[in-house]
Amino acid sequence: MTPFFAMSLLFGLAFGQTASLCAPSEYIIHVEKRECAYCLAINTTICAGFCMTRDSNGKKLLLKSALSQNVCTYKEMFYQTALIPGCPHHTIPYYSYPVAVSCKCGKCNTDYSDCVHEKVRTNYCTKPQKLCNI
């Protein structure tokens, strides 16, 4: 095996591994409403993983197209609706959430994604929990 072939093979394997780390991942969303008696734990899939980015210290010297800040985001998704148990009649007991079918590395779209990293962990229940497997 020639050194060039070996290096090409190693580079291809390394790049292939990093390029494929953005994929649907299992996730549990905890949903509760003040008026309802229970917290709902929903099993779903979200897009998560690593995407190659380029950022330079010389930002002012380069064109914007030379810089890229890609995130792992939805390529295909659909919305599912769950019923939150223990809600009084005057409360809307439904919660809709996205389910990732496939993912891609791309620009963050604020129409359906939270593009800011949360500093406070808010995905927990303060009320008795019910599990929703959909």
Protein backbone atom coordinates (compact mmCIF):
# COMPACT_ATOMS: atom_id res chain seq x y z
CA MET A 1 0.00 0.00 0.00
CA THR A 2 1.46 3.36 -1.00
CA PRO A 3 1.74 6.13 1.60
CA PHE A 4 -0.54 8.38 -0.50
CA PHE A 5 -3.27 5.72 -0.61
CA ALA A 6 -2.96 5.07 3.14
CA MET A 7 -3.21 8.79 3.97
CA SER A 8 -6.19 9.20 1.60
CA LEU A 9 -7.92 6.26 3.25
CA LEU A 10 -7.31 7.65 6.76
CA PHE A 11 -8.51 11.12 5.73
CA GLY A 12 -11.65 9.65 4.14
CA LEU A 13 -12.45 7.61 7.23
CA ALA A 14 -11.87 10.57 9.56
CA PHE A 15 -13.95 12.97 7.46
CA GLY A 16 -16.70 10.40 6.96
CA GLN A 17 -16.99 9.91 10.72
CA THR A 18 -17.29 13.63 11.49
CA ALA A 19 -19.68 14.28 8.63
CA SER A 20 -22.10 11.59 9.80
CA LEU A 21 -22.49 12.62 13.43
CA CYS A 22 -25.58 14.81 12.81
CA ALA A 23 -28.53 12.41 13.09
CA PRO A 24 -31.89 11.89 14.79
CA SER A 25 -31.39 11.12 18.47
CA GLU A 26 -33.82 9.90 21.13
CA TYR A 27 -34.87 12.62 23.56
CA ILE A 28 -37.41 13.02 26.39
CA ILE A 29 -39.35 16.29 26.59
CA HIS A 30 -41.00 17.15 29.91
CA VAL A 31 -44.19 19.20 29.47
CA GLU A 32 -46.40 20.65 32.16
CA LYS A 33 -48.99 23.41 32.49
CA ARG A 34 -49.70 25.29 35.70
CA GLU A 35 -53.40 24.33 35.59
CA CYS A 36 -52.83 20.59 34.97
CA ALA A 37 -52.16 17.95 37.64
CA TYR A 38 -49.41 16.04 35.83
CA CYS A 39 -46.16 16.50 33.96
CA LEU A 40 -45.96 14.60 30.68
CA ALA A 41 -42.68 12.90 29.70
CA ILE A 42 -42.69 12.53 25.90
CA ASN A 43 -40.28 10.20 24.04
CA THR A 44 -39.38 11.77 20.69
CA THR A 45 -36.43 12.27 18.35
CA ILE A 46 -34.49 15.50 17.84
CA CYS A 47 -31.54 16.42 15.64
CA ALA A 48 -28.27 16.31 17.54
CA GLY A 49 -24.63 15.91 16.74
CA PHE A 50 -21.51 17.45 15.30
CA CYS A 51 -21.29 19.63 12.18
CA MET A 52 -18.09 20.97 10.67
CA THR A 53 -17.72 24.74 11.09
CA ARG A 54 -15.15 27.25 9.96
CA ASP A 55 -14.37 30.36 11.91
CA SER A 56 -11.30 32.44 11.49
CA ASN A 57 -9.52 34.97 13.65
CA GLY A 58 -9.24 37.11 10.52
CA LYS A 59 -13.00 37.58 10.07
CA LYS A 60 -12.60 41.11 8.72
CA LEU A 61 -10.22 39.92 6.01
CA LEU A 62 -12.42 37.12 4.67
CA LEU A 63 -15.69 37.11 2.78
CA LYS A 64 -18.76 36.01 4.76
CA SER A 65 -19.11 33.02 2.44
CA ALA A 66 -15.71 31.75 3.66
CA LEU A 67 -17.06 31.52 7.21
CA SER A 68 -19.68 28.96 8.13
CA GLN A 69 -21.41 28.20 11.41
CA ASN A 70 -23.49 25.15 10.64
CA VAL A 71 -25.68 23.42 13.21
CA CYS A 72 -27.33 20.01 13.26
CA THR A 73 -30.90 20.80 12.23
CA TYR A 74 -34.02 19.19 10.79
CA LYS A 75 -34.03 18.00 7.18
CA GLU A 76 -37.39 16.22 7.49
CA MET A 77 -39.78 16.38 10.45
CA PHE A 78 -43.42 16.16 11.37
CA TYR A 79 -45.44 17.37 14.36
CA GLN A 80 -47.07 15.06 16.87
CA THR A 81 -49.69 16.14 19.42
CA ALA A 82 -49.98 14.74 22.94
CA LEU A 83 -52.69 15.11 25.57
CA ILE A 84 -51.53 16.38 28.98
CA PRO A 85 -53.46 14.43 31.64
CA GLY A 86 -55.21 15.97 34.62
CA CYS A 87 -56.19 19.29 33.04
CA PRO A 88 -59.44 21.07 34.02
CA HIS A 89 -62.11 21.55 31.33
CA HIS A 90 -61.29 25.26 30.78
CA THR A 91 -57.65 24.46 29.84
CA ILE A 92 -56.42 23.33 26.43
CA PRO A 93 -54.70 20.01 27.28
CA TYR A 94 -52.78 19.52 24.01
CA TYR A 95 -49.08 19.97 23.31
CA SER A 96 -47.54 19.74 19.80
CA TYR A 97 -43.86 18.95 19.32
CA PRO A 98 -41.51 18.20 16.39
CA VAL A 99 -40.31 14.67 15.60
CA ALA A 100 -37.10 14.44 13.57
CA VAL A 101 -37.17 12.02 10.63
CA SER A 102 -33.80 13.04 9.16
CA CYS A 103 -31.19 15.69 9.93
CA LYS A 104 -28.64 17.83 8.11
CA CYS A 105 -25.88 20.30 8.83
CA GLY A 106 -27.03 23.77 7.85
CA LYS A 107 -27.94 27.25 9.00
CA CYS A 108 -30.17 27.47 12.05
CA ASN A 109 -33.76 28.35 11.07
CA THR A 110 -35.48 30.24 13.89
CA ASP A 111 -38.90 29.38 12.42
CA TYR A 112 -38.68 25.91 14.01
CA SER A 113 -35.43 25.74 16.02
CA ASP A 114 -34.07 27.35 19.14
CA CYS A 115 -30.72 28.67 17.91
CA VAL A 116 -29.49 29.81 21.33
CA HIS A 117 -27.81 27.44 23.76
CA GLU A 118 -29.76 27.40 27.03
CA LYS A 119 -27.81 28.30 30.16
CA VAL A 120 -30.44 26.94 32.56
CA ARG A 121 -31.68 23.37 32.42
CA THR A 122 -35.48 23.53 32.18
CA ASN A 123 -36.33 20.06 30.93
CA TYR A 124 -37.60 18.54 34.17
CA CYS A 125 -40.89 17.94 36.00
CA THR A 126 -42.12 19.64 39.15
CA LYS A 127 -45.37 17.63 39.22
CA PRO A 128 -46.11 13.87 39.21
CA GLN A 129 -44.98 12.38 35.92
CA LYS A 130 -46.88 10.43 33.24
CA LEU A 131 -45.01 8.79 30.34
CA CYS A 132 -46.18 9.23 26.74
CA ASN A 133 -44.75 6.71 24.23
CA ILE A 134 -45.73 7.70 20.70
